[in-house]
Amino acid sequence: MGILAWTWIIVGVTFALYIGIAIWTRATSSKEFYVAGGGVSPLMNGMATAADWMSAASFISLAGIVSFEGYDGSVYLMGWTGGYVLLALLLAPYLRKFGKFTVPDFIGDRYYSNTARIVAVVAALIVSFTYVAGQMRGVGIVFSRYLEVDINTGVYIGMAIVLFYAVLGGMKGITYTQVAQYMVLIFAFMVPAIFISIQMTGNPIPQLGFGSKGEDGMYLLQKLDGLQKELGFHEYTSGSKSLIDVFAITLALMVGTAGLPHVIVRFFTVPKVSDARLSAGWALVFIAILYTTVPAVAVFARTNLIETVSNKQYKDMPDWVGNWEKTGLLAFEDKNADGVVQYVADAQLNELTIDKDIMVLANPEIANLPNWVVALVGAGALAAALSTAAGLLLVIASSISHDLLKKVLVPKITERQELYAARGSAAVAVVIAGYFGINPPGFVAAVVALAFGLAAASFFPAIVLGIFDKRMNRQGAVTGMIIGLSLMLFYMLKFKFGIFDGGKDAVAGLAGDWWFGISPEGFGTVAMIVNFVISVIVSRLTTAPPENIQHLIEDIRIPKGAGAAVAH
């Protein structure tokens, strides 16, 4: 069977599974909608958290970045993995003990202020919409290739699926759907990696294979370094980023992970605090399976790509080149009209343009793996994108219905009305997310990295100081969040999109104007530090929090007992 037929079968079966689970586990109360009733086992929650956290950026784009940037791309691996450890050890148990559904709920109650709650809601919406833009683009890319439709149509299909199971099932439906999606995505990622590792090095373990020797007796990384140098690219195993930018991006991704509302809310779905720690440990195990395989997939894909296309006749190109050209994500321009593909670092001479986001998806085709494996990767990519998109949409829905309506605007709203508001908010959010998927601001991982920077600049200081600093008050937290978030938004709009430079493209020279030599992806670190400093200074210059709040902080720093999440 062809790729299209296999895709319809595998994607159809997996989507039927997701929808079936959504119907079976549909939410009937606000507690089930927000935190799945608080009764999910640590193992299941760990798997769901891994699927929630490993988005299209992890499945589709991460190996693509590492594939093109080599050593420089490792900042994403270090930042995202380290960030999860930080979240699991530093924040998760304490937030779970506090017993609130959402990050704005925590901030609103901890800082005894509806103003703080509203600022947190705005930050959650900005972070979530930035993040979900990357997921919808990922969905569009997958559908455009495998179902042979344009990207816009692909986004519409993805919107319909997410809308169905996120709006119907809430967190309860999403949790069990994400367990199934994790199984699909990890199987889809590992199968081609194992096949290609055996094919290129004879070693069935990809993590060992990419450090092994190939059939020619040369180490794979050594061979790739040579191929890169021949084409004018920097050596794969050497970096070109400045040390300060590497540090800034890594730290921004780490603390951004620890401030992501859609990941934090997962720790409220387990029965007690000890289960939050245990599920965090399980999630790290499940995440590590994919993250330790990413460098291997990147090396395999890059080596195969160069050997397949560079200095070869275009008319002799394999079918996968033409397949991806149809999507617009790969393009050949014969500048010297010789019919030979010149794939080189020099932009004036280079004739092949390749979107980083296609590398994982195209990898099985480049390696001539069976069609069912190619289709399986497509299903895995959809599972990764849709699982995270659903979690983000729930954050958006709960921010509006629970934190804004229930806690601020309409306190007397009934549970049924709150549930309707949550579902209506999710539906509107799907439409906005679809718009961003059709008009994306960049490739998937770049967009997602900006979301982490925004979370680092806004939430992380407010959460950490809220847990560990009894003297932190509402004035300090609100001022810090507003300044941190505003600074990050300004820098992102100026240097990523050229908003304050007459629309000048960042790639066309704005990089030379970066403050302190730090890229927009890493500037969340600077904005976070500013947030911390401003928060502490303002809190020391204003009145201390009430005694009951200070006692509350002492209580949550001792993560014992059930601390069940309860809607108020």
Protein backbone atom coordinates (compact mmCIF):
# COMPACT_ATOMS: atom_id res chain seq x y z
CA MET A 1 0.00 0.00 0.00
CA GLY A 2 1.04 3.60 -0.57
CA ILE A 3 1.81 6.22 2.09
CA LEU A 4 -1.59 7.89 1.69
CA ALA A 5 -3.51 4.65 2.27
CA TRP A 6 -1.40 3.73 5.31
CA THR A 7 -1.85 7.26 6.67
CA TRP A 8 -5.64 7.10 6.42
CA ILE A 9 -5.61 3.74 8.21
CA ILE A 10 -3.19 4.61 11.05
CA VAL A 11 -4.37 8.18 11.60
CA GLY A 12 -8.01 7.04 11.33
CA VAL A 13 -7.53 4.33 13.97
CA THR A 14 -5.68 6.64 16.38
CA PHE A 15 -8.21 9.46 15.97
CA ALA A 16 -11.08 7.03 16.54
CA LEU A 17 -9.30 5.95 19.74
CA TYR A 18 -8.92 9.56 20.95
CA ILE A 19 -12.55 10.40 20.24
CA GLY A 20 -13.76 7.17 21.83
CA ILE A 21 -11.80 7.93 25.01
CA ALA A 22 -13.21 11.49 25.06
CA ILE A 23 -16.77 10.14 24.93
CA TRP A 24 -16.05 7.44 27.53
CA THR A 25 -14.42 9.88 29.99
CA ARG A 26 -16.48 13.03 29.35
CA ALA A 27 -16.50 15.51 32.22
CA THR A 28 -19.73 15.90 34.18
CA SER A 29 -18.51 18.41 36.79
CA SER A 30 -16.16 21.40 36.92
CA LYS A 31 -13.69 19.39 39.01
CA GLU A 32 -13.54 16.67 36.35
CA PHE A 33 -13.22 19.34 33.65
CA TYR A 34 -10.35 21.16 35.38
CA VAL A 35 -8.39 18.43 37.21
CA ALA A 36 -9.92 15.09 36.08
CA GLY A 37 -11.58 14.66 39.48
CA GLY A 38 -8.16 14.55 41.19
CA GLY A 39 -8.03 10.74 40.98
CA VAL A 40 -5.48 9.91 38.27
CA SER A 41 -2.75 7.40 39.20
CA PRO A 42 0.90 8.66 39.24
CA LEU A 43 1.90 6.29 36.41
CA MET A 44 -0.96 7.39 34.15
CA ASN A 45 -0.44 11.03 35.08
CA GLY A 46 3.28 10.70 34.34
CA MET A 47 2.49 9.39 30.87
CA ALA A 48 -0.13 12.08 30.26
CA THR A 49 2.26 14.78 31.50
CA ALA A 50 4.96 13.54 29.13
CA ALA A 51 2.52 13.72 26.20
CA ASP A 52 1.29 17.14 27.34
CA TRP A 53 4.82 18.50 27.64
CA MET A 54 6.33 16.85 24.54
CA SER A 55 4.59 18.92 21.94
CA ALA A 56 5.04 19.25 18.20
CA ALA A 57 8.21 21.17 19.11
CA SER A 58 9.66 18.05 20.74
CA PHE A 59 8.46 15.52 18.18
CA ILE A 60 8.69 17.46 14.91
CA SER A 61 10.96 20.43 15.42
CA LEU A 62 13.58 19.60 18.06
CA ALA A 63 15.47 17.05 16.01
CA GLY A 64 15.13 19.41 13.04
CA ILE A 65 16.86 22.20 14.94
CA VAL A 66 19.62 19.89 16.17
CA SER A 67 19.91 18.48 12.65
CA PHE A 68 20.59 21.91 11.14
CA GLU A 69 22.37 23.64 14.03
CA GLY A 70 24.27 20.69 15.50
CA TYR A 71 25.97 21.60 18.76
CA ASP A 72 24.07 24.91 18.98
CA GLY A 73 20.76 23.06 18.90
CA SER A 74 21.65 21.24 22.12
CA VAL A 75 20.51 24.28 24.14
CA TYR A 76 16.93 23.16 23.53
CA LEU A 77 17.68 19.66 24.81
CA MET A 78 19.41 20.98 27.93
CA GLY A 79 16.86 23.70 28.64
CA TRP A 80 13.69 21.69 28.24
CA THR A 81 14.99 18.61 30.07
CA GLY A 82 16.58 20.60 32.89
CA GLY A 83 13.42 22.65 33.19
CA TYR A 84 11.30 19.63 33.86
CA VAL A 85 13.65 18.52 36.66
CA LEU A 86 13.42 22.04 38.11
CA LEU A 87 9.63 21.93 37.98
CA ALA A 88 9.41 18.47 39.54
CA LEU A 89 11.75 19.23 42.44
CA LEU A 90 11.19 22.92 43.14
CA LEU A 91 7.54 23.68 42.43
CA ALA A 92 5.21 20.73 41.80
CA PRO A 93 4.79 19.39 45.38
CA TYR A 94 4.24 22.86 46.85
CA LEU A 95 1.72 23.92 44.24
CA ARG A 96 -0.09 20.62 44.73
CA LYS A 97 -0.23 21.21 48.48
CA PHE A 98 -1.73 24.66 47.87
CA GLY A 99 -4.60 22.84 46.18
CA LYS A 100 -5.68 25.16 43.39
CA PHE A 101 -6.69 24.27 39.84
CA THR A 102 -4.70 26.87 37.93
CA VAL A 103 -1.65 29.12 38.12
CA PRO A 104 -3.79 32.31 38.15
CA ASP A 105 -5.76 30.70 41.01
CA PHE A 106 -2.54 30.22 42.97
CA ILE A 107 -1.33 33.75 42.25
CA GLY A 108 -4.71 35.33 43.00
CA ASP A 109 -5.04 33.60 46.40
CA ARG A 110 -1.35 33.75 47.38
CA TYR A 111 -1.21 37.47 46.66
CA TYR A 112 -4.74 38.10 48.05
CA SER A 113 -5.56 40.20 45.01
CA ASN A 114 -7.93 40.05 42.05
CA THR A 115 -5.56 42.41 40.24
CA ALA A 116 -2.79 39.80 40.56
CA ARG A 117 -5.25 37.15 39.37
CA ILE A 118 -6.21 39.19 36.27
CA VAL A 119 -2.55 39.89 35.42
CA ALA A 120 -1.87 36.14 35.73
CA VAL A 121 -4.86 35.35 33.49
CA VAL A 122 -3.55 37.75 30.82
CA ALA A 123 -0.06 36.17 31.07
CA ALA A 124 -1.54 32.65 30.86
CA LEU A 125 -3.50 33.57 27.74
CA ILE A 126 -0.46 35.16 26.04
CA VAL A 127 1.80 32.20 26.88
CA SER A 128 -0.81 29.62 25.87
CA PHE A 129 -1.74 31.25 22.57
CA THR A 130 1.94 31.67 21.64
CA TYR A 131 2.55 28.02 22.47
CA VAL A 132 -0.55 26.69 20.73
CA ALA A 133 0.41 28.53 17.52
CA GLY A 134 3.34 26.13 17.18
CA GLN A 135 1.11 23.11 17.73
CA MET A 136 -1.40 24.11 15.06
CA ARG A 137 1.41 24.75 12.58
CA GLY A 138 2.70 21.26 13.33
CA VAL A 139 -0.73 19.78 12.67
CA GLY A 140 -0.96 21.67 9.37
CA ILE A 141 2.49 20.43 8.27
CA VAL A 142 1.63 16.79 8.97
CA PHE A 143 -1.73 16.88 7.21
CA SER A 144 -0.36 18.82 4.24
CA ARG A 145 2.14 16.06 3.52
CA TYR A 146 0.42 12.85 4.53
CA LEU A 147 -3.17 13.57 3.55
CA GLU A 148 -2.06 15.59 0.52
CA VAL A 149 -4.09 18.65 1.46
CA ASP A 150 -2.89 22.22 1.88
CA ILE A 151 -1.66 23.37 5.29
CA ASN A 152 -4.77 25.46 5.97
CA THR A 153 -7.07 22.48 5.44
CA GLY A 154 -4.82 20.44 7.71
CA VAL A 155 -5.20 23.04 10.46
CA TYR A 156 -9.01 22.99 10.09
CA ILE A 157 -9.07 19.18 10.50
CA GLY A 158 -6.86 19.42 13.59
CA MET A 159 -9.09 22.14 15.05
CA ALA A 160 -12.17 19.94 14.70
CA ILE A 161 -10.53 16.96 16.43
CA VAL A 162 -9.10 18.98 19.34
CA LEU A 163 -12.36 20.86 19.78
CA PHE A 164 -14.27 17.61 20.10
CA TYR A 165 -12.27 15.84 22.78
CA ALA A 166 -10.99 18.90 24.70
CA VAL A 167 -14.37 20.60 24.95
CA LEU A 168 -16.29 17.41 25.68
CA GLY A 169 -13.89 15.65 28.01
CA GLY A 170 -12.11 18.52 29.76
CA MET A 171 -9.07 17.46 31.80
CA LYS A 172 -10.58 14.03 32.45
CA GLY A 173 -10.94 13.28 28.74
CA ILE A 174 -7.64 14.95 27.90
CA THR A 175 -5.72 12.96 30.54
CA TYR A 176 -6.73 9.53 29.25
CA THR A 177 -6.45 10.67 25.64
CA GLN A 178 -2.90 11.85 26.36
CA VAL A 179 -1.96 8.45 27.75
CA ALA A 180 -2.97 6.91 24.41
CA GLN A 181 -1.21 9.75 22.54
CA TYR A 182 2.02 9.17 24.44
CA MET A 183 2.02 5.51 23.45
CA VAL A 184 1.42 6.45 19.82
CA LEU A 185 4.02 9.21 19.66
CA ILE A 186 6.82 7.31 21.43
CA PHE A 187 6.28 4.20 19.27
CA ALA A 188 6.21 6.39 16.15
CA PHE A 189 9.42 8.17 17.14
CA MET A 190 11.40 5.09 18.18
CA VAL A 191 10.53 2.65 15.36
CA PRO A 192 12.18 4.64 12.51
CA ALA A 193 15.06 5.64 14.81
CA ILE A 194 15.81 1.97 15.52
CA PHE A 195 15.45 0.99 11.85
CA ILE A 196 17.76 3.76 10.64
CA SER A 197 20.32 3.09 13.40
CA ILE A 198 20.56 -0.53 12.28
CA GLN A 199 20.68 0.58 8.64
CA MET A 200 23.53 3.09 9.15
CA THR A 201 25.60 1.57 11.97
CA GLY A 202 24.32 -1.96 12.65
CA ASN A 203 23.45 -0.91 16.22
CA PRO A 204 19.75 -1.24 17.18
CA ILE A 205 20.05 1.33 20.00
CA PRO A 206 19.89 4.82 18.42
CA GLN A 207 21.51 6.50 21.45
CA LEU A 208 24.59 4.34 20.87
CA GLY A 209 24.27 4.13 17.11
CA PHE A 210 24.93 7.79 16.37
CA GLY A 211 28.25 7.53 18.24
CA SER A 212 29.24 4.36 16.38
CA LYS A 213 31.08 3.62 13.14
CA GLY A 214 29.24 3.22 9.85
CA GLU A 215 29.85 0.69 7.08
CA ASP A 216 32.81 2.76 5.86
CA GLY A 217 34.58 2.34 9.20
CA MET A 218 34.28 6.04 10.04
CA TYR A 219 32.50 7.39 13.11
CA LEU A 220 29.14 8.84 12.06
CA LEU A 221 29.72 12.20 13.76
CA GLN A 222 33.19 12.47 12.22
CA LYS A 223 31.70 11.73 8.81
CA LEU A 224 28.99 14.37 9.29
CA ASP A 225 31.55 16.98 10.36
CA GLY A 226 33.40 16.31 7.08
CA LEU A 227 30.23 16.58 4.96
CA GLN A 228 29.30 19.86 6.67
CA LYS A 229 32.75 21.38 6.04
CA GLU A 230 32.70 20.36 2.38
CA LEU A 231 29.46 22.30 1.87
CA GLY A 232 30.66 25.36 3.80
CA PHE A 233 28.57 24.77 6.94
CA HIS A 234 30.19 24.94 10.39
CA GLU A 235 31.26 21.60 11.86
CA TYR A 236 28.29 19.74 13.30
CA THR A 237 30.02 19.13 16.64
CA SER A 238 31.16 22.74 17.12
CA GLY A 239 29.06 25.74 18.11
CA SER A 240 28.67 29.24 16.70
CA LYS A 241 26.46 30.83 19.38
CA SER A 242 28.04 33.07 22.00
CA LEU A 243 28.42 31.61 25.48
CA ILE A 244 26.07 34.19 27.00
CA ASP A 245 23.34 33.39 24.45
CA VAL A 246 23.69 29.64 25.06
CA PHE A 247 23.38 30.27 28.80
CA ALA A 248 20.44 32.65 28.39
CA ILE A 249 18.44 30.36 26.08
CA THR A 250 19.07 27.30 28.26
CA LEU A 251 18.03 29.11 31.44
CA ALA A 252 14.99 30.73 29.79
CA LEU A 253 13.77 27.32 28.59
CA MET A 254 14.41 25.79 32.02
CA VAL A 255 12.56 28.36 34.10
CA GLY A 256 9.95 28.75 31.37
CA THR A 257 9.19 25.03 31.68
CA ALA A 258 8.74 25.47 35.41
CA GLY A 259 6.27 28.28 34.78
CA LEU A 260 4.13 26.68 32.09
CA PRO A 261 0.50 26.67 33.26
CA HIS A 262 -0.60 23.66 31.17
CA VAL A 263 2.14 21.48 32.71
CA ILE A 264 1.69 22.71 36.28
CA VAL A 265 -2.05 21.95 36.25
CA ARG A 266 -1.26 18.27 35.64
CA PHE A 267 -0.02 17.93 39.22
CA PHE A 268 -3.51 18.71 40.52
CA THR A 269 -4.98 15.62 38.87
CA VAL A 270 -3.41 13.13 41.33
CA PRO A 271 -4.93 12.27 44.74
CA LYS A 272 -2.15 13.58 47.03
CA VAL A 273 1.18 15.44 47.26
CA SER A 274 3.38 12.32 47.28
CA ASP A 275 1.67 11.25 44.05
CA ALA A 276 2.62 14.59 42.49
CA ARG A 277 6.30 13.82 43.15
CA LEU A 278 5.92 10.26 41.89
CA SER A 279 4.11 11.28 38.70
CA ALA A 280 6.82 13.89 38.05
CA GLY A 281 9.43 11.12 38.26
CA TRP A 282 7.48 8.88 35.88
CA ALA A 283 7.04 11.76 33.44
CA LEU A 284 10.80 12.37 33.42
CA VAL A 285 11.41 8.71 32.55
CA PHE A 286 8.90 8.84 29.69
CA ILE A 287 10.30 12.15 28.42
CA ALA A 288 13.90 10.86 28.56
CA ILE A 289 13.09 8.05 26.12
CA LEU A 290 12.38 10.59 23.38
CA TYR A 291 14.89 13.26 24.40
CA THR A 292 17.88 10.91 24.48
CA THR A 293 16.89 9.69 21.01
CA VAL A 294 16.58 13.17 19.44
CA PRO A 295 20.35 13.73 18.86
CA ALA A 296 20.58 10.36 17.11
CA VAL A 297 17.59 11.10 14.84
CA ALA A 298 19.12 14.52 14.03
CA VAL A 299 22.46 13.00 13.00
CA PHE A 300 20.85 10.23 10.94
CA ALA A 301 18.56 12.68 9.14
CA ARG A 302 21.27 15.25 8.42
CA THR A 303 23.73 12.68 7.10
CA ASN A 304 21.14 10.99 4.87
CA LEU A 305 19.88 14.36 3.59
CA ILE A 306 23.29 15.62 2.51
CA GLU A 307 24.25 12.32 0.88
CA THR A 308 20.89 12.14 -0.92
CA VAL A 309 20.59 15.64 -2.41
CA SER A 310 23.94 17.43 -2.51
CA ASN A 311 25.48 17.72 -6.00
CA LYS A 312 23.03 15.25 -7.49
CA GLN A 313 20.96 15.65 -10.66
CA TYR A 314 17.52 17.06 -9.85
CA LYS A 315 15.87 14.69 -12.32
CA ASP A 316 17.32 11.78 -10.34
CA MET A 317 15.95 12.98 -7.00
CA PRO A 318 13.91 10.38 -5.06
CA ASP A 319 10.13 10.70 -4.74
CA TRP A 320 10.26 12.22 -1.25
CA VAL A 321 11.77 15.45 -2.63
CA GLY A 322 8.81 15.98 -4.96
CA ASN A 323 6.35 15.01 -2.21
CA TRP A 324 7.68 17.69 0.14
CA GLU A 325 7.98 20.27 -2.63
CA LYS A 326 4.19 20.06 -3.00
CA THR A 327 3.80 21.28 0.59
CA GLY A 328 5.98 24.34 -0.02
CA LEU A 329 8.30 23.33 2.81
CA LEU A 330 11.08 22.27 0.45
CA ALA A 331 12.00 24.22 -2.67
CA PHE A 332 14.62 23.86 -5.45
CA GLU A 333 15.70 26.85 -7.54
CA ASP A 334 18.15 25.99 -10.32
CA LYS A 335 20.12 29.25 -10.21
CA ASN A 336 22.79 28.22 -12.74
CA ALA A 337 20.43 26.11 -14.91
CA ASP A 338 22.71 23.05 -14.83
CA GLY A 339 20.11 20.66 -13.41
CA VAL A 340 22.35 19.83 -10.44
CA VAL A 341 21.23 20.50 -6.88
CA GLN A 342 23.70 22.81 -5.16
CA TYR A 343 23.08 22.47 -1.42
CA VAL A 344 25.70 24.71 0.22
CA ALA A 345 26.01 27.21 3.09
CA ASP A 346 26.54 30.22 0.77
CA ALA A 347 23.07 31.77 0.36
CA GLN A 348 24.00 33.21 -3.04
CA LEU A 349 24.89 29.78 -4.42
CA ASN A 350 22.50 27.55 -2.47
CA GLU A 351 19.63 26.17 -4.58
CA LEU A 352 17.77 24.06 -2.00
CA THR A 353 15.60 25.55 0.75
CA ILE A 354 14.52 23.12 3.46
CA ASP A 355 12.18 23.89 6.35
CA LYS A 356 13.69 22.58 9.60
CA ASP A 357 10.31 21.21 10.63
CA ILE A 358 10.24 18.52 7.93
CA MET A 359 13.35 16.62 9.04
CA VAL A 360 11.74 14.14 11.44
CA LEU A 361 8.74 13.62 9.17
CA ALA A 362 10.83 13.17 6.03
CA ASN A 363 13.51 11.06 7.75
CA PRO A 364 11.86 7.65 7.11
CA GLU A 365 11.28 8.56 3.44
CA ILE A 366 14.89 9.70 3.00
CA ALA A 367 16.05 6.39 4.49
CA ASN A 368 13.68 4.36 2.23
CA LEU A 369 11.80 2.79 5.15
CA PRO A 370 8.49 0.98 4.51
CA ASN A 371 5.41 3.13 3.83
CA TRP A 372 3.72 2.06 7.06
CA VAL A 373 6.63 3.49 9.05
CA VAL A 374 6.33 6.80 7.18
CA ALA A 375 2.60 6.94 7.99
CA LEU A 376 3.26 5.95 11.61
CA VAL A 377 5.55 8.97 12.06
CA GLY A 378 2.76 11.21 10.77
CA ALA A 379 0.35 9.75 13.34
CA GLY A 380 2.94 10.26 16.08
CA ALA A 381 3.46 13.88 15.11
CA LEU A 382 -0.28 14.49 15.23
CA ALA A 383 -0.47 12.84 18.66
CA ALA A 384 2.28 15.13 19.96
CA ALA A 385 0.75 18.30 18.54
CA LEU A 386 -2.83 17.53 19.51
CA SER A 387 -2.02 16.38 23.06
CA THR A 388 -0.30 19.66 23.89
CA ALA A 389 -2.85 21.76 22.03
CA ALA A 390 -5.60 20.18 24.12
CA GLY A 391 -3.77 20.92 27.37
CA LEU A 392 -3.20 24.53 26.32
CA LEU A 393 -6.82 25.00 25.32
CA LEU A 394 -7.87 23.75 28.74
CA VAL A 395 -5.61 26.36 30.38
CA ILE A 396 -7.20 29.05 28.22
CA ALA A 397 -10.70 27.81 29.05
CA SER A 398 -10.08 27.56 32.79
CA SER A 399 -8.35 30.97 32.89
CA ILE A 400 -11.49 32.58 31.48
CA SER A 401 -14.25 30.54 33.12
CA HIS A 402 -12.72 29.77 36.52
CA ASP A 403 -10.19 32.54 37.19
CA LEU A 404 -11.90 35.45 35.47
CA LEU A 405 -15.64 34.72 35.61
CA LYS A 406 -15.95 32.61 38.79
CA LYS A 407 -13.34 34.40 40.88
CA VAL A 408 -13.66 38.01 39.67
CA LEU A 409 -16.57 38.98 37.44
CA VAL A 410 -19.48 36.65 38.35
CA PRO A 411 -18.74 34.99 41.73
CA LYS A 412 -22.29 33.57 42.00
CA ILE A 413 -22.09 31.63 38.73
CA THR A 414 -23.39 28.04 39.09
CA GLU A 415 -21.22 25.00 38.40
CA ARG A 416 -23.25 24.19 35.27
CA GLN A 417 -22.84 27.76 33.97
CA GLU A 418 -19.11 27.63 34.73
CA LEU A 419 -18.81 24.38 32.78
CA TYR A 420 -20.66 25.92 29.82
CA ALA A 421 -18.39 28.98 30.00
CA ALA A 422 -15.31 26.76 30.04
CA ARG A 423 -16.45 24.84 26.98
CA GLY A 424 -17.42 28.03 25.16
CA SER A 425 -14.02 29.56 25.96
CA ALA A 426 -12.27 26.45 24.64
CA ALA A 427 -14.27 26.65 21.41
CA VAL A 428 -13.32 30.30 20.87
CA ALA A 429 -9.71 29.48 21.75
CA VAL A 430 -9.63 26.73 19.09
CA VAL A 431 -10.64 29.24 16.43
CA ILE A 432 -7.94 31.73 17.51
CA ALA A 433 -5.36 28.92 17.71
CA GLY A 434 -6.33 27.86 14.19
CA TYR A 435 -5.69 31.41 12.95
CA PHE A 436 -2.18 31.30 14.41
CA GLY A 437 -1.63 27.89 12.83
CA ILE A 438 -2.55 29.30 9.42
CA ASN A 439 -0.49 32.47 9.96
CA PRO A 440 2.44 31.21 12.08
CA PRO A 441 5.13 33.61 13.28
CA GLY A 442 7.96 31.12 12.64
CA PHE A 443 8.90 27.45 12.65
CA VAL A 444 7.46 25.35 15.46
CA ALA A 445 10.32 25.23 17.97
CA ALA A 446 11.10 28.95 17.61
CA VAL A 447 7.49 29.88 18.39
CA VAL A 448 7.39 27.49 21.35
CA ALA A 449 10.72 28.82 22.68
CA LEU A 450 9.17 32.29 22.79
CA ALA A 451 6.28 30.91 24.86
CA PHE A 452 8.81 29.55 27.37
CA GLY A 453 10.47 32.97 27.50
CA LEU A 454 7.12 34.61 28.23
CA ALA A 455 6.41 32.09 31.01
CA ALA A 456 9.87 32.68 32.48
CA ALA A 457 9.40 36.45 32.41
CA SER A 458 5.96 36.42 34.02
CA PHE A 459 5.09 33.34 36.09
CA PHE A 460 8.33 31.86 37.39
CA PRO A 461 9.35 34.67 39.78
CA ALA A 462 5.80 35.09 41.08
CA ILE A 463 5.49 31.34 41.78
CA VAL A 464 8.96 30.88 43.34
CA LEU A 465 8.74 33.99 45.51
CA GLY A 466 5.17 33.08 46.39
CA ILE A 467 6.36 29.77 47.81
CA PHE A 468 9.72 30.68 49.35
CA ASP A 469 9.42 34.35 50.37
CA LYS A 470 6.86 35.10 53.10
CA ARG A 471 7.54 38.82 52.72
CA MET A 472 6.53 38.89 49.04
CA ASN A 473 3.32 40.88 48.73
CA ARG A 474 0.78 41.65 46.04
CA GLN A 475 2.36 44.98 45.06
CA GLY A 476 5.71 43.33 44.36
CA ALA A 477 4.24 40.37 42.47
CA VAL A 478 1.92 42.45 40.27
CA THR A 479 4.61 45.02 39.43
CA GLY A 480 7.17 42.31 38.67
CA MET A 481 4.82 40.31 36.44
CA ILE A 482 3.70 43.34 34.45
CA ILE A 483 7.25 44.66 33.90
CA GLY A 484 8.73 41.22 33.16
CA LEU A 485 6.01 40.27 30.68
CA SER A 486 6.02 43.70 29.00
CA LEU A 487 9.80 43.66 28.61
CA MET A 488 9.76 40.19 27.04
CA LEU A 489 6.90 41.13 24.69
CA PHE A 490 8.70 44.31 23.61
CA TYR A 491 11.97 42.46 22.91
CA MET A 492 10.18 39.65 21.09
CA LEU A 493 8.19 42.04 18.88
CA LYS A 494 11.22 44.22 18.17
CA PHE A 495 13.85 41.59 17.41
CA LYS A 496 11.75 38.65 16.21
CA PHE A 497 9.14 40.45 14.15
CA GLY A 498 10.66 43.92 13.60
CA ILE A 499 7.50 45.62 14.90
CA PHE A 500 9.38 48.66 16.24
CA ASP A 501 11.79 48.83 13.30
CA GLY A 502 9.42 49.52 10.45
CA GLY A 503 8.77 45.81 9.91
CA LYS A 504 12.45 45.06 9.25
CA ASP A 505 13.08 41.32 9.32
CA ALA A 506 15.11 40.11 12.32
CA VAL A 507 17.08 37.80 10.06
CA ALA A 508 18.14 40.73 7.90
CA GLY A 509 20.38 42.34 10.48
CA LEU A 510 18.55 42.96 13.74
CA ALA A 511 20.59 40.18 15.36
CA GLY A 512 23.53 42.57 15.51
CA ASP A 513 21.45 44.89 17.71
CA TRP A 514 20.49 42.27 20.34
CA TRP A 515 20.86 43.55 23.88
CA PHE A 516 23.87 41.92 25.59
CA GLY A 517 24.14 39.64 22.53
CA ILE A 518 21.09 37.65 23.68
CA SER A 519 18.58 36.32 21.15
CA PRO A 520 14.77 36.68 21.59
CA GLU A 521 14.60 32.97 22.52
CA GLY A 522 16.97 33.65 25.44
CA PHE A 523 15.75 37.05 26.54
CA GLY A 524 13.26 35.49 28.94
CA THR A 525 16.25 35.06 31.28
CA VAL A 526 16.87 38.82 31.38
CA ALA A 527 13.17 39.63 31.78
CA MET A 528 12.92 37.04 34.57
CA ILE A 529 15.85 38.57 36.47
CA VAL A 530 14.27 42.04 36.12
CA ASN A 531 10.98 40.59 37.41
CA PHE A 532 12.73 39.08 40.46
CA VAL A 533 14.59 42.31 41.29
CA ILE A 534 11.54 44.58 40.84
CA SER A 535 9.30 42.21 42.84
CA VAL A 536 11.68 42.04 45.81
CA ILE A 537 12.40 45.79 45.87
CA VAL A 538 8.73 46.81 45.64
CA SER A 539 7.67 44.25 48.26
CA ARG A 540 10.27 45.60 50.72
CA LEU A 541 9.10 49.16 50.18
CA THR A 542 5.43 48.35 50.78
CA THR A 543 3.41 46.70 53.54
CA ALA A 544 3.96 43.05 54.42
CA PRO A 545 1.33 40.42 53.51
CA PRO A 546 -1.37 39.64 56.11
CA GLU A 547 -0.48 37.17 58.87
CA ASN A 548 -2.80 34.48 57.49
CA ILE A 549 -1.00 34.56 54.12
CA GLN A 550 2.40 34.22 55.83
CA HIS A 551 1.13 31.22 57.81
CA LEU A 552 -0.27 29.75 54.57
CA ILE A 553 3.19 29.96 52.96
CA GLU A 554 4.77 28.18 55.91
CA ASP A 555 2.14 25.45 55.57
CA ILE A 556 2.60 24.75 51.85
CA ARG A 557 6.38 24.55 52.21
CA ILE A 558 5.85 21.32 54.17
CA PRO A 559 4.45 19.07 51.38
CA LYS A 560 2.64 16.52 53.53
CA GLY A 561 -0.90 15.18 53.48
CA ALA A 562 -3.50 14.93 50.77
CA GLY A 563 -4.00 18.60 49.99
CA ALA A 564 -6.86 17.69 47.65
CA ALA A 565 -7.65 20.28 45.00
CA VAL A 566 -11.05 21.78 45.74
CA ALA A 567 -13.04 24.29 43.67
CA HIS A 568 -14.10 27.29 45.69
